[in-house]
Amino acid sequence: MPKFRAFDVAIIALCAALYAVVGYLTSFGLSFGGVAFWPAAFVPAIFAVLFGPWEGGIGAAIGIFIRDVVVIGQPLLSFTVGVPANFAAFFLIGYFAHRKLDRKKTLVSLVIGFGVILAGLLLPTVFLPSESVGYTGLSTETVVILFSALMAVSLILFAVIAKYWKEFRSFGVGSITGMAVGAMIIAIGVWGYSQLFFAPTGYFTSPLTASFASLVFVWTFVTEIPFVLLIVPPVVKAAQQAFPFLRQSKIGQEKANQ
């Protein structure tokens, strides 16, 4: 872990505050399996790209904890699931964003990331269709089409980034990898928490099944990744043009990491 200056602490605090507030305002009360609709994922991703993985990861971890305690009143659930998931996701985004990946590494990372995502999609919707319909109220075909469309949008966004914003190619890989890892931690963590702490009057009234955890994984990933890929590059580019020292800071971090 690097030594944090006063500036770094201030950036982490700003990231956490913005993440908690934007998350609260943009979830619109939508959730699945206790996991909120979360377009606010773009906030710590911007900080991770501009300032580094530690700033983005720690800011996201603190921000999600604040939001969870205020909104759902479950500090233990947030600390054991939301905090590590958010730290891992946005640390990885910042880590990849500050490294230059050649085409081979980019391709391998994408294949692994989308392989994990595809497995998470196929398990509940194709191999367990009756349970999937029971949880979602949607047919297997509808779920596959819906999530496939969202994945297609993500792929198109990544292709656009790779073609027109080549400096964000590593960020695109990091986004897919980080969001997949974060979604996996949330899915497994929520499932495990429901096994240990469910109660008739608790947050979970019954233990979640493994197939439900797979659906939570898919929901978490596809409701976050499009916003990260769509919003972060233009905002980062605009910030670097308005404040040139941010670009110099990023270049310095890239050299230090090589």
C-alpha atoms as a PDB file:
ATOM      1  CA  MET A   1       0.000   0.000   0.000  1.00  0.00           C
ATOM      2  CA  PRO A   2       1.416   3.415  -0.937  1.00  0.00           C
ATOM      3  CA  LYS A   3       1.890   6.281   1.480  1.00  0.00           C
ATOM      4  CA  PHE A   4      -1.082   8.598   1.300  1.00  0.00           C
ATOM      5  CA  ARG A   5      -0.606  12.353   1.184  1.00  0.00           C
ATOM      6  CA  ALA A   6      -3.210  14.812   2.432  1.00  0.00           C
ATOM      7  CA  PHE A   7      -4.279  15.253  -1.198  1.00  0.00           C
ATOM      8  CA  ASP A   8      -4.867  11.493  -1.571  1.00  0.00           C
ATOM      9  CA  VAL A   9      -6.968  11.376   1.597  1.00  0.00           C
ATOM     10  CA  ALA A  10      -9.043  14.293   0.339  1.00  0.00           C
ATOM     11  CA  ILE A  11      -9.594  12.552  -3.006  1.00  0.00           C
ATOM     12  CA  ILE A  12     -10.679   9.340  -1.263  1.00  0.00           C
ATOM     13  CA  ALA A  13     -13.107  11.286   0.923  1.00  0.00           C
ATOM     14  CA  LEU A  14     -14.537  13.114  -2.101  1.00  0.00           C
ATOM     15  CA  CYS A  15     -14.908   9.848  -4.016  1.00  0.00           C
ATOM     16  CA  ALA A  16     -16.670   8.193  -1.084  1.00  0.00           C
ATOM     17  CA  ALA A  17     -19.062  11.096  -0.569  1.00  0.00           C
ATOM     18  CA  LEU A  18     -19.987  11.387  -4.245  1.00  0.00           C
ATOM     19  CA  TYR A  19     -20.408   7.625  -4.576  1.00  0.00           C
ATOM     20  CA  ALA A  20     -22.751   7.414  -1.589  1.00  0.00           C
ATOM     21  CA  VAL A  21     -24.864  10.381  -2.714  1.00  0.00           C
ATOM     22  CA  VAL A  22     -25.037   9.506  -6.420  1.00  0.00           C
ATOM     23  CA  GLY A  23     -25.763   5.875  -5.556  1.00  0.00           C
ATOM     24  CA  TYR A  24     -28.625   6.916  -3.306  1.00  0.00           C
ATOM     25  CA  LEU A  25     -30.108   9.233  -5.940  1.00  0.00           C
ATOM     26  CA  THR A  26     -29.810   6.928  -8.967  1.00  0.00           C
ATOM     27  CA  SER A  27     -30.878   3.493  -7.693  1.00  0.00           C
ATOM     28  CA  PHE A  28     -34.562   4.502  -8.013  1.00  0.00           C
ATOM     29  CA  GLY A  29     -35.567   1.884  -5.460  1.00  0.00           C
ATOM     30  CA  LEU A  30     -34.840  -0.950  -7.918  1.00  0.00           C
ATOM     31  CA  SER A  31     -33.111  -4.063  -6.610  1.00  0.00           C
ATOM     32  CA  PHE A  32     -32.788  -7.790  -7.134  1.00  0.00           C
ATOM     33  CA  GLY A  33     -31.787 -10.183  -4.386  1.00  0.00           C
ATOM     34  CA  GLY A  34     -31.009  -7.240  -2.144  1.00  0.00           C
ATOM     35  CA  VAL A  35     -28.597  -5.748  -4.739  1.00  0.00           C
ATOM     36  CA  ALA A  36     -29.575  -2.286  -5.959  1.00  0.00           C
ATOM     37  CA  PHE A  37     -29.689  -1.033  -9.529  1.00  0.00           C
ATOM     38  CA  TRP A  38     -26.324   0.719  -9.603  1.00  0.00           C
ATOM     39  CA  PRO A  39     -25.412   3.113 -12.431  1.00  0.00           C
ATOM     40  CA  ALA A  40     -23.379   5.045  -9.831  1.00  0.00           C
ATOM     41  CA  ALA A  41     -20.508   2.622 -10.479  1.00  0.00           C
ATOM     42  CA  PHE A  42     -19.072   5.179 -12.875  1.00  0.00           C
ATOM     43  CA  VAL A  43     -18.163   7.516  -9.972  1.00  0.00           C
ATOM     44  CA  PRO A  44     -15.316   5.543  -8.326  1.00  0.00           C
ATOM     45  CA  ALA A  45     -14.251   4.301 -11.766  1.00  0.00           C
ATOM     46  CA  ILE A  46     -13.518   7.910 -12.742  1.00  0.00           C
ATOM     47  CA  PHE A  47     -11.459   8.417  -9.583  1.00  0.00           C
ATOM     48  CA  ALA A  48      -9.614   5.118 -10.163  1.00  0.00           C
ATOM     49  CA  VAL A  49      -8.595   6.205 -13.671  1.00  0.00           C
ATOM     50  CA  LEU A  50      -7.704   9.770 -12.771  1.00  0.00           C
ATOM     51  CA  PHE A  51      -5.919   9.195  -9.466  1.00  0.00           C
ATOM     52  CA  GLY A  52      -5.086   5.494  -9.167  1.00  0.00           C
ATOM     53  CA  PRO A  53      -6.397   2.122  -7.965  1.00  0.00           C
ATOM     54  CA  TRP A  54      -6.065   2.787  -4.232  1.00  0.00           C
ATOM     55  CA  GLU A  55      -7.998   6.044  -4.392  1.00  0.00           C
ATOM     56  CA  GLY A  56     -10.771   4.473  -6.465  1.00  0.00           C
ATOM     57  CA  GLY A  57     -10.913   1.243  -4.476  1.00  0.00           C
ATOM     58  CA  ILE A  58     -10.853   2.746  -0.983  1.00  0.00           C
ATOM     59  CA  GLY A  59     -13.225   5.557  -1.960  1.00  0.00           C
ATOM     60  CA  ALA A  60     -15.694   3.025  -3.364  1.00  0.00           C
ATOM     61  CA  ALA A  61     -15.450   0.810  -0.273  1.00  0.00           C
ATOM     62  CA  ILE A  62     -16.148   3.694   2.102  1.00  0.00           C
ATOM     63  CA  GLY A  63     -18.872   5.137  -0.115  1.00  0.00           C
ATOM     64  CA  ILE A  64     -20.814   1.887  -0.445  1.00  0.00           C
ATOM     65  CA  PHE A  65     -20.586   1.319   3.311  1.00  0.00           C
ATOM     66  CA  ILE A  66     -22.058   4.753   4.008  1.00  0.00           C
ATOM     67  CA  ARG A  67     -24.872   4.200   1.524  1.00  0.00           C
ATOM     68  CA  ASP A  68     -25.689   0.716   2.810  1.00  0.00           C
ATOM     69  CA  VAL A  69     -25.795   1.755   6.454  1.00  0.00           C
ATOM     70  CA  VAL A  70     -28.046   4.726   5.683  1.00  0.00           C
ATOM     71  CA  VAL A  71     -30.371   2.982   3.213  1.00  0.00           C
ATOM     72  CA  ILE A  72     -30.630  -0.672   4.275  1.00  0.00           C
ATOM     73  CA  GLY A  73     -29.255  -0.524   7.812  1.00  0.00           C
ATOM     74  CA  GLN A  74     -27.107  -3.648   7.445  1.00  0.00           C
ATOM     75  CA  PRO A  75     -23.512  -2.713   8.358  1.00  0.00           C
ATOM     76  CA  LEU A  76     -22.379  -6.351   8.690  1.00  0.00           C
ATOM     77  CA  LEU A  77     -23.725  -7.269   5.247  1.00  0.00           C
ATOM     78  CA  SER A  78     -22.086  -4.208   3.727  1.00  0.00           C
ATOM     79  CA  PHE A  79     -18.755  -4.725   5.498  1.00  0.00           C
ATOM     80  CA  THR A  80     -18.488  -8.414   4.535  1.00  0.00           C
ATOM     81  CA  VAL A  81     -19.895  -8.209   1.001  1.00  0.00           C
ATOM     82  CA  GLY A  82     -20.311  -4.710  -0.430  1.00  0.00           C
ATOM     83  CA  VAL A  83     -17.051  -3.253   0.866  1.00  0.00           C
ATOM     84  CA  PRO A  84     -14.664  -5.974  -0.447  1.00  0.00           C
ATOM     85  CA  ALA A  85     -16.592  -6.267  -3.734  1.00  0.00           C
ATOM     86  CA  ASN A  86     -16.384  -2.554  -4.427  1.00  0.00           C
ATOM     87  CA  PHE A  87     -12.756  -2.279  -3.381  1.00  0.00           C
ATOM     88  CA  ALA A  88     -11.749  -5.187  -5.641  1.00  0.00           C
ATOM     89  CA  ALA A  89     -13.778  -3.955  -8.621  1.00  0.00           C
ATOM     90  CA  PHE A  90     -12.483  -0.403  -8.683  1.00  0.00           C
ATOM     91  CA  PHE A  91      -8.951  -1.245  -7.602  1.00  0.00           C
ATOM     92  CA  LEU A  92      -8.736  -3.536 -10.647  1.00  0.00           C
ATOM     93  CA  ILE A  93     -10.151  -0.833 -12.912  1.00  0.00           C
ATOM     94  CA  GLY A  94      -7.502   1.604 -11.709  1.00  0.00           C
ATOM     95  CA  TYR A  95      -4.781  -1.038 -11.856  1.00  0.00           C
ATOM     96  CA  PHE A  96      -5.463  -1.929 -15.483  1.00  0.00           C
ATOM     97  CA  ALA A  97      -6.111   1.675 -16.517  1.00  0.00           C
ATOM     98  CA  HIS A  98      -2.567   2.640 -15.510  1.00  0.00           C
ATOM     99  CA  ARG A  99      -0.930  -0.123 -17.521  1.00  0.00           C
ATOM    100  CA  LYS A 100      -0.403  -0.638 -21.213  1.00  0.00           C
ATOM    101  CA  LEU A 101      -1.698  -3.977 -22.469  1.00  0.00           C
ATOM    102  CA  ASP A 102      -0.701  -5.398 -25.831  1.00  0.00           C
ATOM    103  CA  ARG A 103      -3.309  -7.015 -28.061  1.00  0.00           C
ATOM    104  CA  LYS A 104      -2.564 -10.526 -26.816  1.00  0.00           C
ATOM    105  CA  LYS A 105      -3.038  -9.627 -23.149  1.00  0.00           C
ATOM    106  CA  THR A 106      -6.136  -7.646 -24.026  1.00  0.00           C
ATOM    107  CA  LEU A 107      -7.659 -10.579 -25.884  1.00  0.00           C
ATOM    108  CA  VAL A 108      -6.837 -13.086 -23.138  1.00  0.00           C
ATOM    109  CA  SER A 109      -8.317 -10.817 -20.463  1.00  0.00           C
ATOM    110  CA  LEU A 110     -11.493 -10.315 -22.463  1.00  0.00           C
ATOM    111  CA  VAL A 111     -11.918 -14.034 -23.144  1.00  0.00           C
ATOM    112  CA  ILE A 112     -11.554 -14.853 -19.435  1.00  0.00           C
ATOM    113  CA  GLY A 113     -13.866 -12.040 -18.362  1.00  0.00           C
ATOM    114  CA  PHE A 114     -16.629 -12.841 -20.811  1.00  0.00           C
ATOM    115  CA  GLY A 115     -16.241 -16.566 -20.126  1.00  0.00           C
ATOM    116  CA  VAL A 116     -17.036 -15.969 -16.467  1.00  0.00           C
ATOM    117  CA  ILE A 117     -19.945 -13.705 -17.397  1.00  0.00           C
ATOM    118  CA  LEU A 118     -21.343 -16.176 -19.919  1.00  0.00           C
ATOM    119  CA  ALA A 119     -21.189 -18.967 -17.332  1.00  0.00           C
ATOM    120  CA  GLY A 120     -23.064 -16.790 -14.868  1.00  0.00           C
ATOM    121  CA  LEU A 121     -25.748 -16.161 -17.480  1.00  0.00           C
ATOM    122  CA  LEU A 122     -26.152 -19.732 -18.713  1.00  0.00           C
ATOM    123  CA  LEU A 123     -26.295 -21.446 -15.320  1.00  0.00           C
ATOM    124  CA  PRO A 124     -29.543 -19.901 -14.065  1.00  0.00           C
ATOM    125  CA  THR A 125     -31.314 -19.247 -17.358  1.00  0.00           C
ATOM    126  CA  VAL A 126     -30.524 -22.325 -19.448  1.00  0.00           C
ATOM    127  CA  PHE A 127     -29.625 -25.142 -17.073  1.00  0.00           C
ATOM    128  CA  LEU A 128     -32.096 -24.126 -14.355  1.00  0.00           C
ATOM    129  CA  PRO A 129     -34.981 -22.615 -16.359  1.00  0.00           C
ATOM    130  CA  SER A 130     -37.799 -23.356 -13.898  1.00  0.00           C
ATOM    131  CA  GLU A 131     -35.976 -21.677 -10.994  1.00  0.00           C
ATOM    132  CA  SER A 132     -35.012 -18.761 -13.207  1.00  0.00           C
ATOM    133  CA  VAL A 133     -38.634 -18.197 -14.234  1.00  0.00           C
ATOM    134  CA  GLY A 134     -39.722 -18.498 -10.612  1.00  0.00           C
ATOM    135  CA  TYR A 135     -37.303 -15.813  -9.449  1.00  0.00           C
ATOM    136  CA  THR A 136     -37.625 -13.354 -12.333  1.00  0.00           C
ATOM    137  CA  GLY A 137     -41.126 -13.971 -13.700  1.00  0.00           C
ATOM    138  CA  LEU A 138     -39.578 -13.938 -17.178  1.00  0.00           C
ATOM    139  CA  SER A 139     -39.186 -16.806 -19.621  1.00  0.00           C
ATOM    140  CA  THR A 140     -35.739 -18.243 -20.286  1.00  0.00           C
ATOM    141  CA  GLU A 141     -35.797 -16.804 -23.809  1.00  0.00           C
ATOM    142  CA  THR A 142     -36.666 -13.307 -22.538  1.00  0.00           C
ATOM    143  CA  VAL A 143     -33.894 -13.342 -19.931  1.00  0.00           C
ATOM    144  CA  VAL A 144     -31.306 -14.564 -22.438  1.00  0.00           C
ATOM    145  CA  ILE A 145     -32.341 -11.935 -24.983  1.00  0.00           C
ATOM    146  CA  LEU A 146     -32.336  -9.156 -22.382  1.00  0.00           C
ATOM    147  CA  PHE A 147     -28.959  -9.949 -20.900  1.00  0.00           C
ATOM    148  CA  SER A 148     -27.460 -10.766 -24.318  1.00  0.00           C
ATOM    149  CA  ALA A 149     -28.569  -7.340 -25.554  1.00  0.00           C
ATOM    150  CA  LEU A 150     -26.916  -5.662 -22.575  1.00  0.00           C
ATOM    151  CA  MET A 151     -23.726  -7.650 -23.143  1.00  0.00           C
ATOM    152  CA  ALA A 152     -23.796  -6.706 -26.826  1.00  0.00           C
ATOM    153  CA  VAL A 153     -24.044  -3.048 -25.846  1.00  0.00           C
ATOM    154  CA  SER A 154     -21.047  -3.499 -23.549  1.00  0.00           C
ATOM    155  CA  LEU A 155     -19.040  -5.146 -26.331  1.00  0.00           C
ATOM    156  CA  ILE A 156     -19.928  -2.360 -28.760  1.00  0.00           C
ATOM    157  CA  LEU A 157     -18.913   0.251 -26.205  1.00  0.00           C
ATOM    158  CA  PHE A 158     -15.604  -1.549 -25.632  1.00  0.00           C
ATOM    159  CA  ALA A 159     -15.008  -1.737 -29.401  1.00  0.00           C
ATOM    160  CA  VAL A 160     -15.679   1.996 -29.756  1.00  0.00           C
ATOM    161  CA  ILE A 161     -13.300   2.750 -26.889  1.00  0.00           C
ATOM    162  CA  ALA A 162     -10.587   0.525 -28.367  1.00  0.00           C
ATOM    163  CA  LYS A 163     -10.932   2.163 -31.792  1.00  0.00           C
ATOM    164  CA  TYR A 164     -11.394   5.850 -31.016  1.00  0.00           C
ATOM    165  CA  TRP A 165      -9.892   6.156 -27.533  1.00  0.00           C
ATOM    166  CA  LYS A 166      -6.922   3.824 -27.670  1.00  0.00           C
ATOM    167  CA  GLU A 167      -5.541   5.268 -24.459  1.00  0.00           C
ATOM    168  CA  PHE A 168      -8.605   3.790 -22.705  1.00  0.00           C
ATOM    169  CA  ARG A 169      -8.161   0.261 -24.062  1.00  0.00           C
ATOM    170  CA  SER A 170      -6.611  -0.971 -20.819  1.00  0.00           C
ATOM    171  CA  PHE A 171      -9.394   0.767 -18.913  1.00  0.00           C
ATOM    172  CA  GLY A 172     -11.942  -1.207 -20.932  1.00  0.00           C
ATOM    173  CA  VAL A 173     -10.272  -4.484 -20.027  1.00  0.00           C
ATOM    174  CA  GLY A 174     -10.061  -3.408 -16.387  1.00  0.00           C
ATOM    175  CA  SER A 175     -13.727  -2.457 -16.345  1.00  0.00           C
ATOM    176  CA  ILE A 176     -14.878  -5.833 -17.613  1.00  0.00           C
ATOM    177  CA  THR A 177     -12.495  -7.692 -15.300  1.00  0.00           C
ATOM    178  CA  GLY A 178     -13.179  -5.532 -12.252  1.00  0.00           C
ATOM    179  CA  MET A 179     -16.951  -5.527 -12.649  1.00  0.00           C
ATOM    180  CA  ALA A 180     -16.965  -9.310 -13.134  1.00  0.00           C
ATOM    181  CA  VAL A 181     -14.859  -9.874 -10.007  1.00  0.00           C
ATOM    182  CA  GLY A 182     -16.979  -7.458  -7.973  1.00  0.00           C
ATOM    183  CA  ALA A 183     -20.212  -9.065  -9.165  1.00  0.00           C
ATOM    184  CA  MET A 184     -18.872 -12.512  -8.262  1.00  0.00           C
ATOM    185  CA  ILE A 185     -17.932 -11.397  -4.734  1.00  0.00           C
ATOM    186  CA  ILE A 186     -21.392  -9.872  -4.262  1.00  0.00           C
ATOM    187  CA  ALA A 187     -23.207 -12.953  -5.578  1.00  0.00           C
ATOM    188  CA  ILE A 188     -21.238 -15.388  -3.405  1.00  0.00           C
ATOM    189  CA  GLY A 189     -21.275 -13.048  -0.421  1.00  0.00           C
ATOM    190  CA  VAL A 190     -25.018 -12.387  -0.520  1.00  0.00           C
ATOM    191  CA  TRP A 191     -25.665 -16.117  -0.876  1.00  0.00           C
ATOM    192  CA  GLY A 192     -23.372 -16.919   2.081  1.00  0.00           C
ATOM    193  CA  TYR A 193     -24.852 -14.147   4.225  1.00  0.00           C
ATOM    194  CA  SER A 194     -28.365 -15.476   3.578  1.00  0.00           C
ATOM    195  CA  GLN A 195     -27.296 -18.944   4.736  1.00  0.00           C
ATOM    196  CA  LEU A 196     -25.957 -17.652   8.047  1.00  0.00           C
ATOM    197  CA  PHE A 197     -28.125 -14.717   9.009  1.00  0.00           C
ATOM    198  CA  PHE A 198     -31.608 -15.244   7.571  1.00  0.00           C
ATOM    199  CA  ALA A 199     -34.552 -14.893   9.952  1.00  0.00           C
ATOM    200  CA  PRO A 200     -38.289 -14.359   9.580  1.00  0.00           C
ATOM    201  CA  THR A 201     -37.798 -10.692  10.460  1.00  0.00           C
ATOM    202  CA  GLY A 202     -34.326 -10.268   9.007  1.00  0.00           C
ATOM    203  CA  TYR A 203     -32.971  -8.903   5.736  1.00  0.00           C
ATOM    204  CA  PHE A 204     -33.303 -12.361   4.176  1.00  0.00           C
ATOM    205  CA  THR A 205     -36.393 -14.307   5.209  1.00  0.00           C
ATOM    206  CA  SER A 206     -34.965 -17.548   3.803  1.00  0.00           C
ATOM    207  CA  PRO A 207     -31.593 -18.793   2.510  1.00  0.00           C
ATOM    208  CA  LEU A 208     -30.912 -18.025  -1.142  1.00  0.00           C
ATOM    209  CA  THR A 209     -30.224 -20.892  -3.537  1.00  0.00           C
ATOM    210  CA  ALA A 210     -27.086 -21.212  -5.660  1.00  0.00           C
ATOM    211  CA  SER A 211     -29.080 -20.511  -8.833  1.00  0.00           C
ATOM    212  CA  PHE A 212     -30.365 -17.286  -7.299  1.00  0.00           C
ATOM    213  CA  ALA A 213     -26.758 -16.292  -6.556  1.00  0.00           C
ATOM    214  CA  SER A 214     -26.004 -16.741 -10.271  1.00  0.00           C
ATOM    215  CA  LEU A 215     -28.848 -14.401 -11.134  1.00  0.00           C
ATOM    216  CA  VAL A 216     -27.501 -11.852  -8.639  1.00  0.00           C
ATOM    217  CA  PHE A 217     -24.128 -12.054 -10.397  1.00  0.00           C
ATOM    218  CA  VAL A 218     -25.685 -11.357 -13.795  1.00  0.00           C
ATOM    219  CA  TRP A 219     -27.898  -8.553 -12.445  1.00  0.00           C
ATOM    220  CA  THR A 220     -24.957  -6.860 -10.724  1.00  0.00           C
ATOM    221  CA  PHE A 221     -22.702  -6.976 -13.760  1.00  0.00           C
ATOM    222  CA  VAL A 222     -25.119  -5.929 -16.480  1.00  0.00           C
ATOM    223  CA  THR A 223     -26.605  -3.046 -14.470  1.00  0.00           C
ATOM    224  CA  GLU A 224     -23.175  -1.506 -13.871  1.00  0.00           C
ATOM    225  CA  ILE A 225     -20.835  -2.161 -16.794  1.00  0.00           C
ATOM    226  CA  PRO A 226     -22.674  -0.147 -19.498  1.00  0.00           C
ATOM    227  CA  PHE A 227     -22.590   3.003 -17.346  1.00  0.00           C
ATOM    228  CA  VAL A 228     -18.901   2.560 -16.548  1.00  0.00           C
ATOM    229  CA  LEU A 229     -17.906   2.070 -20.190  1.00  0.00           C
ATOM    230  CA  LEU A 230     -20.168   4.831 -21.487  1.00  0.00           C
ATOM    231  CA  ILE A 231     -19.551   7.620 -18.966  1.00  0.00           C
ATOM    232  CA  VAL A 232     -15.980   7.261 -17.703  1.00  0.00           C
ATOM    233  CA  PRO A 233     -13.859   7.872 -20.870  1.00  0.00           C
ATOM    234  CA  PRO A 234     -15.440  11.212 -21.910  1.00  0.00           C
ATOM    235  CA  VAL A 235     -15.493  12.495 -18.309  1.00  0.00           C
ATOM    236  CA  VAL A 236     -11.847  11.526 -17.734  1.00  0.00           C
ATOM    237  CA  LYS A 237     -10.797  13.051 -21.038  1.00  0.00           C
ATOM    238  CA  ALA A 238     -12.628  16.291 -20.262  1.00  0.00           C
ATOM    239  CA  ALA A 239     -11.109  16.428 -16.759  1.00  0.00           C
ATOM    240  CA  GLN A 240      -7.596  15.901 -18.107  1.00  0.00           C
ATOM    241  CA  GLN A 241      -8.073  18.657 -20.678  1.00  0.00           C
ATOM    242  CA  ALA A 242      -9.414  21.057 -18.060  1.00  0.00           C
ATOM    243  CA  PHE A 243      -6.754  20.125 -15.479  1.00  0.00           C
ATOM    244  CA  PRO A 244      -3.534  19.074 -17.267  1.00  0.00           C
ATOM    245  CA  PHE A 245      -1.866  18.026 -14.002  1.00  0.00           C
ATOM    246  CA  LEU A 246      -4.223  15.029 -13.925  1.00  0.00           C
ATOM    247  CA  ARG A 247      -2.761  13.762 -17.197  1.00  0.00           C
ATOM    248  CA  GLN A 248       0.775  14.262 -15.904  1.00  0.00           C
ATOM    249  CA  SER A 249      -0.114  12.412 -12.691  1.00  0.00           C
ATOM    250  CA  LYS A 250      -1.455   9.495 -14.690  1.00  0.00           C
ATOM    251  CA  ILE A 251       1.669   9.347 -16.868  1.00  0.00           C
ATOM    252  CA  GLY A 252       3.823   9.362 -13.744  1.00  0.00           C
ATOM    253  CA  GLN A 253       1.885   6.476 -12.266  1.00  0.00           C
ATOM    254  CA  GLU A 254       2.175   4.481 -15.488  1.00  0.00           C
ATOM    255  CA  LYS A 255       5.962   4.887 -15.487  1.00  0.00           C
ATOM    256  CA  ALA A 256       6.164   3.921 -11.821  1.00  0.00           C
ATOM    257  CA  ASN A 257       4.143   0.767 -12.451  1.00  0.00           C
ATOM    258  CA  GLN A 258       6.237  -0.424 -15.397  1.00  0.00           C
END
